[in-house]
């Protein structure tokens, strides 16, 4: 499995959406139940700002995976995980400097 090694800018964010089954009853009552063994998938919103050649490398890595092939990623202070990137946006910041924003979603294979 490929490893994503580039470091993101400091404005990265982490989101966790627990996987829960909810049954709604009348009068606003509900029952919640944990769903599956991997109930806390992580999602990281990352930004990268580098010289154009550096962003070219990140863009090529993500394009080669094509949201199908997963890769290993370790976010600073977090455990290693298996992720896919389904969408990313590249921007031109200045002459010779580009940016790339991506969302890494943890998957369990």
C-alpha atoms as a PDB file:
ATOM      1  CA  UNK A   1       0.000   0.000   0.000  1.00  0.00           C
ATOM      2  CA  UNK A   2       1.294   3.455  -0.905  1.00  0.00           C
ATOM      3  CA  UNK A   3       2.136   5.951   1.849  1.00  0.00           C
ATOM      4  CA  UNK A   4       1.171   9.622   1.697  1.00  0.00           C
ATOM      5  CA  UNK A   5       4.215  11.417   3.156  1.00  0.00           C
ATOM      6  CA  UNK A   6       3.604  15.138   2.533  1.00  0.00           C
ATOM      7  CA  UNK A   7       2.951  17.390   5.527  1.00  0.00           C
ATOM      8  CA  UNK A   8      -0.161  19.566   5.483  1.00  0.00           C
ATOM      9  CA  UNK A   9      -0.391  23.190   6.557  1.00  0.00           C
ATOM     10  CA  UNK A  10      -1.334  23.889  10.160  1.00  0.00           C
ATOM     11  CA  UNK A  11      -4.946  24.744   9.336  1.00  0.00           C
ATOM     12  CA  UNK A  12      -5.944  21.079   8.997  1.00  0.00           C
ATOM     13  CA  UNK A  13      -9.128  19.913  10.689  1.00  0.00           C
ATOM     14  CA  UNK A  14     -10.391  16.544  11.874  1.00  0.00           C
ATOM     15  CA  UNK A  15     -14.023  15.429  11.847  1.00  0.00           C
ATOM     16  CA  UNK A  16     -15.445  12.258  13.356  1.00  0.00           C
ATOM     17  CA  UNK A  17     -18.978  11.056  12.621  1.00  0.00           C
ATOM     18  CA  UNK A  18     -19.794   7.935  14.677  1.00  0.00           C
ATOM     19  CA  UNK A  19     -21.682   5.243  12.792  1.00  0.00           C
ATOM     20  CA  UNK A  20     -24.957   4.800  14.678  1.00  0.00           C
ATOM     21  CA  UNK A  21     -28.306   3.220  13.853  1.00  0.00           C
ATOM     22  CA  UNK A  22     -31.236   5.346  15.057  1.00  0.00           C
ATOM     23  CA  UNK A  23     -34.820   4.193  15.481  1.00  0.00           C
ATOM     24  CA  UNK A  24     -37.339   6.998  15.986  1.00  0.00           C
ATOM     25  CA  UNK A  25     -40.519   6.457  17.976  1.00  0.00           C
ATOM     26  CA  UNK A  26     -43.470   8.757  18.527  1.00  0.00           C
ATOM     27  CA  UNK A  27     -43.346  11.898  20.677  1.00  0.00           C
ATOM     28  CA  UNK A  28     -39.655  12.514  19.922  1.00  0.00           C
ATOM     29  CA  UNK A  29     -38.303   9.347  21.554  1.00  0.00           C
ATOM     30  CA  UNK A  30     -35.469   7.542  19.849  1.00  0.00           C
ATOM     31  CA  UNK A  31     -33.166   4.591  20.390  1.00  0.00           C
ATOM     32  CA  UNK A  32     -29.522   4.568  19.256  1.00  0.00           C
ATOM     33  CA  UNK A  33     -27.260   1.592  18.666  1.00  0.00           C
ATOM     34  CA  UNK A  34     -23.592   1.344  17.694  1.00  0.00           C
ATOM     35  CA  UNK A  35     -23.171  -0.021  14.169  1.00  0.00           C
ATOM     36  CA  UNK A  36     -20.167  -2.195  13.351  1.00  0.00           C
ATOM     37  CA  UNK A  37     -16.735  -2.555  14.918  1.00  0.00           C
ATOM     38  CA  UNK A  38     -15.158   0.453  13.189  1.00  0.00           C
ATOM     39  CA  UNK A  39     -17.616   3.077  14.369  1.00  0.00           C
ATOM     40  CA  UNK A  40     -15.384   6.151  14.473  1.00  0.00           C
ATOM     41  CA  UNK A  41     -13.982   6.811  11.001  1.00  0.00           C
ATOM     42  CA  UNK A  42     -11.855   9.952  10.821  1.00  0.00           C
ATOM     43  CA  UNK A  43     -12.023  12.590   8.119  1.00  0.00           C
ATOM     44  CA  UNK A  44      -9.219  15.137   7.694  1.00  0.00           C
ATOM     45  CA  UNK A  45      -9.571  18.382   5.744  1.00  0.00           C
ATOM     46  CA  UNK A  46      -6.033  19.245   4.682  1.00  0.00           C
ATOM     47  CA  UNK A  47      -4.425  22.102   2.798  1.00  0.00           C
ATOM     48  CA  UNK A  48      -1.023  22.176   1.173  1.00  0.00           C
ATOM     49  CA  UNK A  49       0.875  25.271  -0.009  1.00  0.00           C
ATOM     50  CA  UNK A  50       4.108  24.729  -1.893  1.00  0.00           C
ATOM     51  CA  UNK A  51       6.053  25.494  -5.008  1.00  0.00           C
ATOM     52  CA  UNK A  52       4.212  24.303  -8.092  1.00  0.00           C
ATOM     53  CA  UNK A  53       6.451  21.226  -8.456  1.00  0.00           C
ATOM     54  CA  UNK A  54       5.587  20.065  -4.924  1.00  0.00           C
ATOM     55  CA  UNK A  55       1.869  20.429  -5.541  1.00  0.00           C
ATOM     56  CA  UNK A  56       2.341  18.573  -8.848  1.00  0.00           C
ATOM     57  CA  UNK A  57       3.677  15.592  -6.838  1.00  0.00           C
ATOM     58  CA  UNK A  58       0.720  15.582  -4.431  1.00  0.00           C
ATOM     59  CA  UNK A  59      -1.754  15.991  -7.304  1.00  0.00           C
ATOM     60  CA  UNK A  60      -0.115  13.101  -9.191  1.00  0.00           C
ATOM     61  CA  UNK A  61      -0.232  10.858  -6.095  1.00  0.00           C
ATOM     62  CA  UNK A  62      -3.956  11.503  -5.555  1.00  0.00           C
ATOM     63  CA  UNK A  63      -4.739  11.183  -9.281  1.00  0.00           C
ATOM     64  CA  UNK A  64      -2.923   7.848  -9.454  1.00  0.00           C
ATOM     65  CA  UNK A  65      -5.143   6.496  -6.634  1.00  0.00           C
ATOM     66  CA  UNK A  66      -8.265   7.923  -8.338  1.00  0.00           C
ATOM     67  CA  UNK A  67     -10.437   7.624  -5.189  1.00  0.00           C
ATOM     68  CA  UNK A  68     -10.333   3.833  -5.663  1.00  0.00           C
ATOM     69  CA  UNK A  69      -6.991   2.771  -4.226  1.00  0.00           C
ATOM     70  CA  UNK A  70      -6.496   3.476  -0.528  1.00  0.00           C
ATOM     71  CA  UNK A  71      -3.242   4.715   0.984  1.00  0.00           C
ATOM     72  CA  UNK A  72      -1.654   4.975   4.418  1.00  0.00           C
ATOM     73  CA  UNK A  73      -1.577   8.365   6.109  1.00  0.00           C
ATOM     74  CA  UNK A  74      -0.456   9.415   9.570  1.00  0.00           C
ATOM     75  CA  UNK A  75      -1.761  12.759  10.757  1.00  0.00           C
ATOM     76  CA  UNK A  76       0.506  14.426  13.364  1.00  0.00           C
ATOM     77  CA  UNK A  77      -0.435  13.197  16.831  1.00  0.00           C
ATOM     78  CA  UNK A  78      -2.773  10.513  15.444  1.00  0.00           C
ATOM     79  CA  UNK A  79      -2.476   6.802  14.725  1.00  0.00           C
ATOM     80  CA  UNK A  80      -1.742   5.600  11.205  1.00  0.00           C
ATOM     81  CA  UNK A  81      -4.818   4.839   9.134  1.00  0.00           C
ATOM     82  CA  UNK A  82      -6.002   3.743   5.719  1.00  0.00           C
ATOM     83  CA  UNK A  83      -7.589   6.565   3.737  1.00  0.00           C
ATOM     84  CA  UNK A  84      -9.071   7.486   0.375  1.00  0.00           C
ATOM     85  CA  UNK A  85      -9.271  10.944  -1.138  1.00  0.00           C
ATOM     86  CA  UNK A  86     -12.471  11.344  -3.146  1.00  0.00           C
ATOM     87  CA  UNK A  87     -12.044  15.032  -3.940  1.00  0.00           C
ATOM     88  CA  UNK A  88      -9.339  17.691  -3.993  1.00  0.00           C
ATOM     89  CA  UNK A  89      -9.068  21.236  -5.285  1.00  0.00           C
ATOM     90  CA  UNK A  90      -5.951  22.847  -6.678  1.00  0.00           C
ATOM     91  CA  UNK A  91      -5.452  26.624  -6.702  1.00  0.00           C
ATOM     92  CA  UNK A  92      -2.860  28.983  -8.092  1.00  0.00           C
ATOM     93  CA  UNK A  93      -1.729  31.213  -5.217  1.00  0.00           C
ATOM     94  CA  UNK A  94       1.079  33.187  -6.815  1.00  0.00           C
ATOM     95  CA  UNK A  95       3.672  32.843  -9.527  1.00  0.00           C
ATOM     96  CA  UNK A  96       5.355  29.502  -8.842  1.00  0.00           C
ATOM     97  CA  UNK A  97       3.270  28.759  -5.718  1.00  0.00           C
ATOM     98  CA  UNK A  98       0.176  26.559  -5.714  1.00  0.00           C
ATOM     99  CA  UNK A  99      -2.227  25.246  -3.126  1.00  0.00           C
ATOM    100  CA  UNK A 100      -4.192  22.060  -2.841  1.00  0.00           C
ATOM    101  CA  UNK A 101      -7.110  21.304  -0.498  1.00  0.00           C
ATOM    102  CA  UNK A 102      -8.077  17.669   0.052  1.00  0.00           C
ATOM    103  CA  UNK A 103     -10.310  15.595   2.276  1.00  0.00           C
ATOM    104  CA  UNK A 104      -8.958  12.248   3.469  1.00  0.00           C
ATOM    105  CA  UNK A 105     -11.648   9.789   4.578  1.00  0.00           C
ATOM    106  CA  UNK A 106     -10.667   6.794   6.692  1.00  0.00           C
ATOM    107  CA  UNK A 107     -11.749   3.419   5.315  1.00  0.00           C
ATOM    108  CA  UNK A 108     -11.520  -0.072   6.735  1.00  0.00           C
ATOM    109  CA  UNK A 109     -10.391  -2.811   4.362  1.00  0.00           C
END
